[in-house]
Every structure is written in structure tokens, then in C-alpha cells.
């Protein structure tokens, strides 16, 4: 019984931590370099944690694991949206694209 509880606790711990993790992994950066987005670009450095998590999820989406064209399109669409978000924030200093207006 204790062994089972220990296993379940470990599984829950790693599941919860993975769900709240954000950021891009080395594999994500490798994929983005193939898409002509450099790892040290200002664009990637300015992504919010929410955008990084979203991009990571799109790059690693199991639904598109065997469809590189769909995965590339989803990632490209997200990068286009993130670029628009950054441009909006530059035009609206002190505000964030995803925050309610003050």
C-alpha cells in the first residue's frame, strides 16, 4: 500500500509540475531555428511566459506529430500573433495585450 501511494504521489507531482511549466526547451529552440527564428532573437526574448507556454505546446502537440506541415502552420500562425502582440504593446506603452484596460 505504501509503495502504491509513493508511486501515485510521484506521478501527481510530475504531472502538476509539467502542467505549470513554461518556457522553451532546447528542442523547441532547435525546431524554431529550422523555421528561421533564431534562439537569441529579440522577438523570442520578448515573449511572455504565457506565449512561451503556448508556443511550446504547439511545437510539441501530439496531434501534429506526424504532420509537419500542420505543425509548421500552427507555429507560424502563433508567431505572427505574438509579433502583432509585441507591436501593439510598443504602440501602447504601459499596457499588455492580454490585460484588461485600466
N, C-alpha and C. Protein backbone atom coordinates (compact mmCIF):
# COMPACT_ATOMS: atom_id res chain seq x y z
N UNK A 1 0.83 -1.19 0.00
CA UNK A 1 0.00 0.00 0.00
C UNK A 1 0.87 1.25 0.00
N UNK A 2 1.91 1.30 0.83
CA UNK A 2 2.80 2.46 0.86
C UNK A 2 3.50 2.64 -0.47
N UNK A 3 3.85 1.54 -1.09
CA UNK A 3 4.51 1.59 -2.40
C UNK A 3 3.59 2.22 -3.43
N UNK A 4 2.33 1.86 -3.42
CA UNK A 4 1.35 2.41 -4.34
C UNK A 4 1.15 3.92 -4.10
N UNK A 5 1.08 4.31 -2.85
CA UNK A 5 0.93 5.73 -2.51
C UNK A 5 2.15 6.52 -2.97
N UNK A 6 3.33 5.95 -2.80
CA UNK A 6 4.56 6.62 -3.23
C UNK A 6 4.57 6.81 -4.75
N UNK A 7 4.14 5.81 -5.48
CA UNK A 7 4.10 5.90 -6.94
C UNK A 7 3.07 6.95 -7.36
N UNK A 8 1.90 6.91 -6.78
CA UNK A 8 0.86 7.88 -7.13
C UNK A 8 1.30 9.31 -6.80
N UNK A 9 1.94 9.49 -5.69
CA UNK A 9 2.43 10.82 -5.31
C UNK A 9 3.46 11.32 -6.31
N UNK A 10 4.35 10.46 -6.75
CA UNK A 10 5.35 10.83 -7.73
C UNK A 10 4.71 11.20 -9.06
N UNK A 11 3.75 10.42 -9.50
CA UNK A 11 3.06 10.69 -10.76
C UNK A 11 2.33 12.03 -10.69
N UNK A 12 1.62 12.27 -9.61
CA UNK A 12 0.89 13.54 -9.45
C UNK A 12 1.87 14.71 -9.42
N UNK A 13 2.97 14.56 -8.72
CA UNK A 13 3.97 15.63 -8.63
C UNK A 13 4.48 16.03 -10.01
N UNK A 14 4.88 15.05 -10.80
CA UNK A 14 5.42 15.37 -12.12
C UNK A 14 4.34 15.85 -13.07
N UNK A 15 3.13 15.38 -12.95
CA UNK A 15 2.04 15.84 -13.80
C UNK A 15 1.70 17.29 -13.50
N UNK A 16 1.59 17.63 -12.25
CA UNK A 16 1.28 19.01 -11.87
C UNK A 16 2.41 19.95 -12.28
N UNK A 17 3.65 19.56 -12.05
CA UNK A 17 4.78 20.41 -12.42
C UNK A 17 4.85 20.61 -13.93
N UNK A 18 4.56 19.59 -14.70
CA UNK A 18 4.58 19.72 -16.15
C UNK A 18 3.46 20.65 -16.61
N UNK A 19 2.32 20.60 -15.97
CA UNK A 19 1.20 21.43 -16.37
C UNK A 19 1.48 22.91 -16.12
N UNK A 20 2.26 23.23 -15.09
CA UNK A 20 2.53 24.61 -14.77
C UNK A 20 3.87 25.11 -15.32
N UNK A 21 4.59 24.23 -16.00
CA UNK A 21 5.88 24.64 -16.55
C UNK A 21 5.66 25.57 -17.73
N UNK A 22 6.58 26.49 -17.90
CA UNK A 22 6.54 27.34 -19.07
C UNK A 22 7.95 27.57 -19.54
N UNK A 23 8.06 28.09 -20.70
CA UNK A 23 9.36 28.33 -21.28
C UNK A 23 9.60 27.40 -22.44
N UNK A 24 10.66 27.68 -23.14
CA UNK A 24 11.00 26.89 -24.31
C UNK A 24 12.20 26.00 -24.00
N UNK A 25 12.15 24.79 -24.49
CA UNK A 25 13.23 23.83 -24.28
C UNK A 25 14.26 23.96 -25.40
N UNK A 26 15.38 23.28 -25.25
CA UNK A 26 16.38 23.26 -26.31
C UNK A 26 15.80 22.67 -27.59
N UNK A 27 14.96 21.64 -27.46
CA UNK A 27 14.33 21.06 -28.64
C UNK A 27 13.40 22.06 -29.32
N UNK A 28 12.71 22.88 -28.52
CA UNK A 28 11.85 23.92 -29.10
C UNK A 28 12.69 24.91 -29.90
N UNK A 29 13.80 25.35 -29.30
CA UNK A 29 14.67 26.29 -29.99
C UNK A 29 15.24 25.69 -31.27
N UNK A 30 15.58 24.40 -31.24
CA UNK A 30 16.07 23.73 -32.45
C UNK A 30 15.01 23.74 -33.54
N UNK A 31 13.77 23.46 -33.15
CA UNK A 31 12.68 23.48 -34.13
C UNK A 31 12.49 24.89 -34.69
N UNK A 32 12.52 25.88 -33.81
CA UNK A 32 12.33 27.26 -34.26
C UNK A 32 13.45 27.72 -35.19
N UNK A 33 14.68 27.26 -34.95
CA UNK A 33 15.77 27.60 -35.86
C UNK A 33 15.52 27.03 -37.24
N UNK A 34 14.92 25.85 -37.32
CA UNK A 34 14.55 25.29 -38.62
C UNK A 34 13.49 26.15 -39.31
N UNK A 35 12.71 26.87 -38.51
CA UNK A 35 11.68 27.77 -39.03
C UNK A 35 12.23 29.19 -39.24
N UNK A 36 13.55 29.33 -39.13
CA UNK A 36 14.24 30.61 -39.35
C UNK A 36 13.99 31.63 -38.24
N UNK A 37 13.78 31.15 -37.02
CA UNK A 37 13.64 32.03 -35.86
C UNK A 37 14.83 31.72 -34.95
N UNK A 38 15.72 32.68 -34.82
CA UNK A 38 16.94 32.46 -34.06
C UNK A 38 16.70 32.49 -32.56
N UNK A 39 17.42 31.63 -31.87
CA UNK A 39 17.26 31.46 -30.42
C UNK A 39 17.49 32.76 -29.65
N UNK A 40 18.45 33.55 -30.06
CA UNK A 40 18.79 34.76 -29.33
C UNK A 40 18.12 36.01 -29.89
N UNK A 41 17.06 35.82 -30.67
CA UNK A 41 16.38 36.97 -31.26
C UNK A 41 15.63 37.77 -30.20
N UNK A 42 15.53 39.06 -30.43
CA UNK A 42 14.78 39.94 -29.53
C UNK A 42 13.33 39.48 -29.47
N UNK A 43 12.82 39.03 -30.59
CA UNK A 43 11.44 38.56 -30.66
C UNK A 43 11.18 37.46 -29.64
N UNK A 44 12.03 36.43 -29.61
CA UNK A 44 11.83 35.33 -28.65
C UNK A 44 12.06 35.77 -27.22
N UNK A 45 13.03 36.65 -27.01
CA UNK A 45 13.30 37.14 -25.65
C UNK A 45 12.12 37.94 -25.10
N UNK A 46 11.32 38.55 -25.97
CA UNK A 46 10.20 39.37 -25.52
C UNK A 46 8.89 38.60 -25.38
N UNK A 47 8.91 37.29 -25.61
CA UNK A 47 7.69 36.51 -25.42
C UNK A 47 7.36 36.43 -23.94
N UNK A 48 6.08 36.56 -23.63
CA UNK A 48 5.64 36.42 -22.25
C UNK A 48 5.67 34.94 -21.85
N UNK A 49 5.62 34.65 -20.56
CA UNK A 49 5.54 33.23 -20.14
C UNK A 49 4.34 32.52 -20.76
N UNK A 50 3.21 33.22 -20.87
CA UNK A 50 2.02 32.62 -21.47
C UNK A 50 2.27 32.28 -22.95
N UNK A 51 2.92 33.18 -23.66
CA UNK A 51 3.22 32.94 -25.07
C UNK A 51 4.23 31.81 -25.23
N UNK A 52 5.23 31.77 -24.35
CA UNK A 52 6.21 30.69 -24.40
C UNK A 52 5.55 29.33 -24.17
N UNK A 53 4.66 29.27 -23.20
CA UNK A 53 3.96 28.02 -22.91
C UNK A 53 3.10 27.60 -24.10
N UNK A 54 2.44 28.56 -24.70
CA UNK A 54 1.58 28.28 -25.86
C UNK A 54 2.43 27.77 -27.03
N UNK A 55 3.56 28.44 -27.29
CA UNK A 55 4.44 28.03 -28.37
C UNK A 55 5.02 26.64 -28.11
N UNK A 56 5.43 26.39 -26.88
CA UNK A 56 5.94 25.06 -26.52
C UNK A 56 4.88 23.99 -26.79
N UNK A 57 3.64 24.28 -26.40
CA UNK A 57 2.56 23.31 -26.61
C UNK A 57 2.31 23.06 -28.09
N UNK A 58 2.37 24.10 -28.90
CA UNK A 58 2.17 23.92 -30.34
C UNK A 58 3.29 23.11 -30.98
N UNK A 59 4.51 23.39 -30.58
CA UNK A 59 5.65 22.66 -31.15
C UNK A 59 5.58 21.19 -30.78
N UNK A 60 5.10 20.89 -29.59
CA UNK A 60 5.08 19.51 -29.09
C UNK A 60 3.71 18.87 -29.12
N UNK A 61 2.79 19.44 -29.87
CA UNK A 61 1.42 18.93 -29.96
C UNK A 61 1.41 17.52 -30.57
N UNK A 62 0.90 16.59 -29.82
CA UNK A 62 0.86 15.19 -30.28
C UNK A 62 -0.04 14.99 -31.50
N UNK A 63 -1.06 15.85 -31.65
CA UNK A 63 -1.97 15.72 -32.80
C UNK A 63 -1.23 15.92 -34.12
N UNK A 64 -0.21 16.77 -34.10
CA UNK A 64 0.51 17.08 -35.33
C UNK A 64 1.89 16.44 -35.39
N UNK A 65 2.12 15.46 -34.56
CA UNK A 65 3.42 14.80 -34.51
C UNK A 65 3.81 14.25 -35.89
N UNK A 66 2.84 13.70 -36.62
CA UNK A 66 3.12 13.09 -37.91
C UNK A 66 2.71 13.98 -39.08
N UNK A 67 2.41 15.24 -38.80
CA UNK A 67 2.03 16.17 -39.85
C UNK A 67 2.86 17.45 -39.72
N UNK A 68 4.08 17.43 -40.26
CA UNK A 68 4.97 18.58 -40.08
C UNK A 68 4.43 19.86 -40.73
N UNK A 69 3.63 19.74 -41.76
CA UNK A 69 3.08 20.93 -42.42
C UNK A 69 2.07 21.62 -41.50
N UNK A 70 1.20 20.84 -40.87
CA UNK A 70 0.22 21.41 -39.95
C UNK A 70 0.91 22.01 -38.74
N UNK A 71 1.91 21.33 -38.23
CA UNK A 71 2.65 21.85 -37.08
C UNK A 71 3.34 23.16 -37.44
N UNK A 72 3.99 23.20 -38.59
CA UNK A 72 4.67 24.43 -39.02
C UNK A 72 3.67 25.56 -39.20
N UNK A 73 2.50 25.27 -39.74
CA UNK A 73 1.48 26.30 -39.93
C UNK A 73 0.97 26.83 -38.60
N UNK A 74 0.72 25.93 -37.65
CA UNK A 74 0.26 26.35 -36.32
C UNK A 74 1.30 27.22 -35.62
N UNK A 75 2.54 26.81 -35.70
CA UNK A 75 3.62 27.58 -35.07
C UNK A 75 3.76 28.93 -35.76
N UNK A 76 3.72 28.94 -37.09
CA UNK A 76 3.83 30.20 -37.83
C UNK A 76 2.68 31.15 -37.49
N UNK A 77 1.47 30.61 -37.39
CA UNK A 77 0.31 31.44 -37.02
C UNK A 77 0.51 32.05 -35.63
N UNK A 78 1.01 31.25 -34.70
CA UNK A 78 1.24 31.75 -33.34
C UNK A 78 2.33 32.82 -33.35
N UNK A 79 3.41 32.60 -34.09
CA UNK A 79 4.48 33.59 -34.15
C UNK A 79 3.99 34.90 -34.75
N UNK A 80 3.12 34.80 -35.74
CA UNK A 80 2.53 36.00 -36.34
C UNK A 80 1.69 36.75 -35.30
N UNK A 81 0.91 36.01 -34.53
CA UNK A 81 0.09 36.63 -33.48
C UNK A 81 0.96 37.27 -32.40
N UNK A 82 2.03 36.57 -32.00
CA UNK A 82 2.92 37.11 -30.98
C UNK A 82 3.60 38.39 -31.47
N UNK A 83 3.96 38.40 -32.74
CA UNK A 83 4.57 39.60 -33.32
C UNK A 83 3.58 40.77 -33.28
N UNK A 84 2.33 40.50 -33.61
CA UNK A 84 1.30 41.54 -33.54
C UNK A 84 1.11 42.01 -32.10
N UNK A 85 1.17 41.09 -31.15
CA UNK A 85 1.05 41.46 -29.73
C UNK A 85 2.18 42.40 -29.32
N UNK A 86 3.41 42.05 -29.72
CA UNK A 86 4.55 42.88 -29.36
C UNK A 86 4.45 44.26 -29.99
N UNK A 87 4.00 44.32 -31.23
CA UNK A 87 3.82 45.61 -31.90
C UNK A 87 2.76 46.44 -31.18
N UNK A 88 1.66 45.81 -30.77
CA UNK A 88 0.60 46.51 -30.05
C UNK A 88 1.15 47.09 -28.74
N UNK A 89 1.93 46.30 -28.03
CA UNK A 89 2.49 46.76 -26.76
C UNK A 89 3.46 47.92 -26.97
N UNK A 90 4.18 47.93 -28.09
CA UNK A 90 5.07 49.06 -28.38
C UNK A 90 4.26 50.33 -28.65
N UNK A 91 3.11 50.17 -29.28
CA UNK A 91 2.26 51.33 -29.59
C UNK A 91 1.41 51.76 -28.40
N UNK A 92 1.32 50.93 -27.37
CA UNK A 92 0.52 51.22 -26.18
C UNK A 92 1.38 51.02 -24.93
N UNK A 93 2.33 51.92 -24.70
CA UNK A 93 3.26 51.77 -23.58
C UNK A 93 2.53 51.62 -22.24
N UNK A 94 3.06 50.74 -21.42
CA UNK A 94 2.50 50.53 -20.09
C UNK A 94 1.31 49.59 -20.06
N UNK A 95 0.90 49.09 -21.22
CA UNK A 95 -0.23 48.16 -21.28
C UNK A 95 0.26 46.82 -21.85
N UNK A 96 -0.45 45.77 -21.50
CA UNK A 96 -0.16 44.45 -22.03
C UNK A 96 -1.33 44.01 -22.91
N UNK A 97 -1.04 43.35 -23.99
CA UNK A 97 -2.07 42.97 -24.95
C UNK A 97 -3.15 42.10 -24.31
N UNK A 98 -2.79 41.29 -23.32
CA UNK A 98 -3.75 40.35 -22.74
C UNK A 98 -4.32 40.80 -21.40
N UNK A 99 -4.00 42.02 -21.00
CA UNK A 99 -4.50 42.52 -19.70
C UNK A 99 -5.69 43.45 -19.94
N UNK A 100 -6.66 43.41 -19.04
CA UNK A 100 -7.79 44.32 -19.18
C UNK A 100 -7.32 45.77 -19.12
N UNK A 101 -8.00 46.61 -19.86
CA UNK A 101 -7.65 48.03 -19.85
C UNK A 101 -7.92 48.64 -18.50
N UNK A 102 -7.06 49.55 -18.10
CA UNK A 102 -7.18 50.20 -16.80
C UNK A 102 -8.06 51.43 -16.89
